[in-house]
Amino acid sequence: MIGTILRNIRKIRGLTQSNVGNELNLADNTISNYETEYSNPNFDTIQKFINVCNFEIQFVDKENKKVYTMDELSKEMDF
């Protein structure tokens, strides 16, 4: 599933696998392997891939209907 998401956001931005690979210092075939789910990127690589495509990961608290960004969740939160 993550491969399909990565491919779709890359295509929305009109980027090639080479464009993304160059930004991430990864080979084109590595990007292809991620998108076809032949191999799985770690979370850090997913986040960098998404950032290259100018997207943002968000988490939705379904109980409270609150949306948190990665930055918000990365900071120590005082409840």
C-alpha atoms as a PDB file:
ATOM      1  CA  MET A   1       0.000   0.000   0.000  1.00  0.00           C
ATOM      2  CA  ILE A   2       2.754   2.515   0.852  1.00  0.00           C
ATOM      3  CA  GLY A   3       4.322   1.976  -2.570  1.00  0.00           C
ATOM      4  CA  THR A   4       1.091   2.967  -4.317  1.00  0.00           C
ATOM      5  CA  ILE A   5       0.805   6.068  -2.146  1.00  0.00           C
ATOM      6  CA  LEU A   6       4.408   7.091  -2.872  1.00  0.00           C
ATOM      7  CA  ARG A   7       3.930   6.556  -6.613  1.00  0.00           C
ATOM      8  CA  ASN A   8       0.683   8.542  -6.636  1.00  0.00           C
ATOM      9  CA  ILE A   9       2.047  11.565  -4.772  1.00  0.00           C
ATOM     10  CA  ARG A  10       5.124  11.578  -7.016  1.00  0.00           C
ATOM     11  CA  LYS A  11       2.912  11.536 -10.110  1.00  0.00           C
ATOM     12  CA  ILE A  12       0.622  14.259  -8.717  1.00  0.00           C
ATOM     13  CA  ARG A  13       3.692  16.514  -8.581  1.00  0.00           C
ATOM     14  CA  GLY A  14       4.808  15.471 -12.069  1.00  0.00           C
ATOM     15  CA  LEU A  15       8.096  14.100 -10.771  1.00  0.00           C
ATOM     16  CA  THR A  16       9.987  11.170 -12.217  1.00  0.00           C
ATOM     17  CA  GLN A  17      11.587   8.413 -10.199  1.00  0.00           C
ATOM     18  CA  SER A  18      14.913   9.992 -11.184  1.00  0.00           C
ATOM     19  CA  ASN A  19      13.836  13.374  -9.793  1.00  0.00           C
ATOM     20  CA  VAL A  20      12.956  11.852  -6.430  1.00  0.00           C
ATOM     21  CA  GLY A  21      15.981   9.573  -6.419  1.00  0.00           C
ATOM     22  CA  ASN A  22      18.327  12.481  -7.055  1.00  0.00           C
ATOM     23  CA  GLU A  23      16.826  14.471  -4.174  1.00  0.00           C
ATOM     24  CA  LEU A  24      17.140  11.495  -1.828  1.00  0.00           C
ATOM     25  CA  ASN A  25      20.516  10.317  -3.136  1.00  0.00           C
ATOM     26  CA  LEU A  26      18.957   6.996  -4.105  1.00  0.00           C
ATOM     27  CA  ALA A  27      19.115   5.069  -7.369  1.00  0.00           C
ATOM     28  CA  ASP A  28      16.124   5.117  -9.719  1.00  0.00           C
ATOM     29  CA  ASN A  29      15.656   1.386  -9.264  1.00  0.00           C
ATOM     30  CA  THR A  30      15.455   1.868  -5.484  1.00  0.00           C
ATOM     31  CA  ILE A  31      12.552   4.283  -5.965  1.00  0.00           C
ATOM     32  CA  SER A  32      10.973   1.785  -8.364  1.00  0.00           C
ATOM     33  CA  ASN A  33      11.391  -0.994  -5.807  1.00  0.00           C
ATOM     34  CA  TYR A  34       9.643   1.123  -3.165  1.00  0.00           C
ATOM     35  CA  GLU A  35       6.772   1.969  -5.486  1.00  0.00           C
ATOM     36  CA  THR A  36       6.261  -1.645  -6.591  1.00  0.00           C
ATOM     37  CA  GLU A  37       6.693  -2.813  -2.987  1.00  0.00           C
ATOM     38  CA  TYR A  38       9.564  -5.082  -3.960  1.00  0.00           C
ATOM     39  CA  SER A  39      11.331  -3.481  -0.988  1.00  0.00           C
ATOM     40  CA  ASN A  40      10.054  -1.305   1.830  1.00  0.00           C
ATOM     41  CA  PRO A  41      11.504   2.065   2.812  1.00  0.00           C
ATOM     42  CA  ASN A  42      11.942   2.873   6.469  1.00  0.00           C
ATOM     43  CA  PHE A  43       9.793   5.610   7.993  1.00  0.00           C
ATOM     44  CA  ASP A  44      12.533   8.233   7.702  1.00  0.00           C
ATOM     45  CA  THR A  45      12.848   7.560   3.963  1.00  0.00           C
ATOM     46  CA  ILE A  46       9.063   7.696   3.548  1.00  0.00           C
ATOM     47  CA  GLN A  47       8.998  11.073   5.267  1.00  0.00           C
ATOM     48  CA  LYS A  48      11.824  12.415   3.064  1.00  0.00           C
ATOM     49  CA  PHE A  49      10.124  11.063  -0.089  1.00  0.00           C
ATOM     50  CA  ILE A  50       6.878  12.762   0.890  1.00  0.00           C
ATOM     51  CA  ASN A  51       8.694  16.021   1.658  1.00  0.00           C
ATOM     52  CA  VAL A  52      10.374  15.977  -1.776  1.00  0.00           C
ATOM     53  CA  CYS A  53       6.877  15.779  -3.263  1.00  0.00           C
ATOM     54  CA  ASN A  54       5.748  18.685  -1.062  1.00  0.00           C
ATOM     55  CA  PHE A  55       3.276  16.634   0.954  1.00  0.00           C
ATOM     56  CA  GLU A  56       2.958  16.280   4.720  1.00  0.00           C
ATOM     57  CA  ILE A  57       2.192  13.312   6.945  1.00  0.00           C
ATOM     58  CA  GLN A  58      -0.635  13.941   9.366  1.00  0.00           C
ATOM     59  CA  PHE A  59      -2.168  11.844  12.097  1.00  0.00           C
ATOM     60  CA  VAL A  60      -5.842  12.090  12.934  1.00  0.00           C
ATOM     61  CA  ASP A  61      -7.070  11.484  16.455  1.00  0.00           C
ATOM     62  CA  LYS A  62     -10.388   9.887  15.539  1.00  0.00           C
ATOM     63  CA  GLU A  63     -11.708  10.219  19.061  1.00  0.00           C
ATOM     64  CA  ASN A  64     -11.198  13.994  19.254  1.00  0.00           C
ATOM     65  CA  LYS A  65     -11.157  14.778  15.514  1.00  0.00           C
ATOM     66  CA  LYS A  66      -7.833  16.583  15.969  1.00  0.00           C
ATOM     67  CA  VAL A  67      -5.164  16.527  13.268  1.00  0.00           C
ATOM     68  CA  TYR A  68      -1.510  16.426  14.311  1.00  0.00           C
ATOM     69  CA  THR A  69       1.458  17.052  12.042  1.00  0.00           C
ATOM     70  CA  MET A  70       4.723  15.155  12.392  1.00  0.00           C
ATOM     71  CA  ASP A  71       6.308  18.256  13.935  1.00  0.00           C
ATOM     72  CA  GLU A  72       3.577  18.500  16.545  1.00  0.00           C
ATOM     73  CA  LEU A  73       3.916  14.862  17.531  1.00  0.00           C
ATOM     74  CA  SER A  74       7.706  15.016  17.507  1.00  0.00           C
ATOM     75  CA  LYS A  75       7.716  17.728  20.159  1.00  0.00           C
ATOM     76  CA  GLU A  76       7.252  16.813  23.761  1.00  0.00           C
ATOM     77  CA  MET A  77       3.607  17.409  24.467  1.00  0.00           C
ATOM     78  CA  ASP A  78       2.437  18.471  27.913  1.00  0.00           C
ATOM     79  CA  PHE A  79      -1.111  17.278  28.506  1.00  0.00           C
END
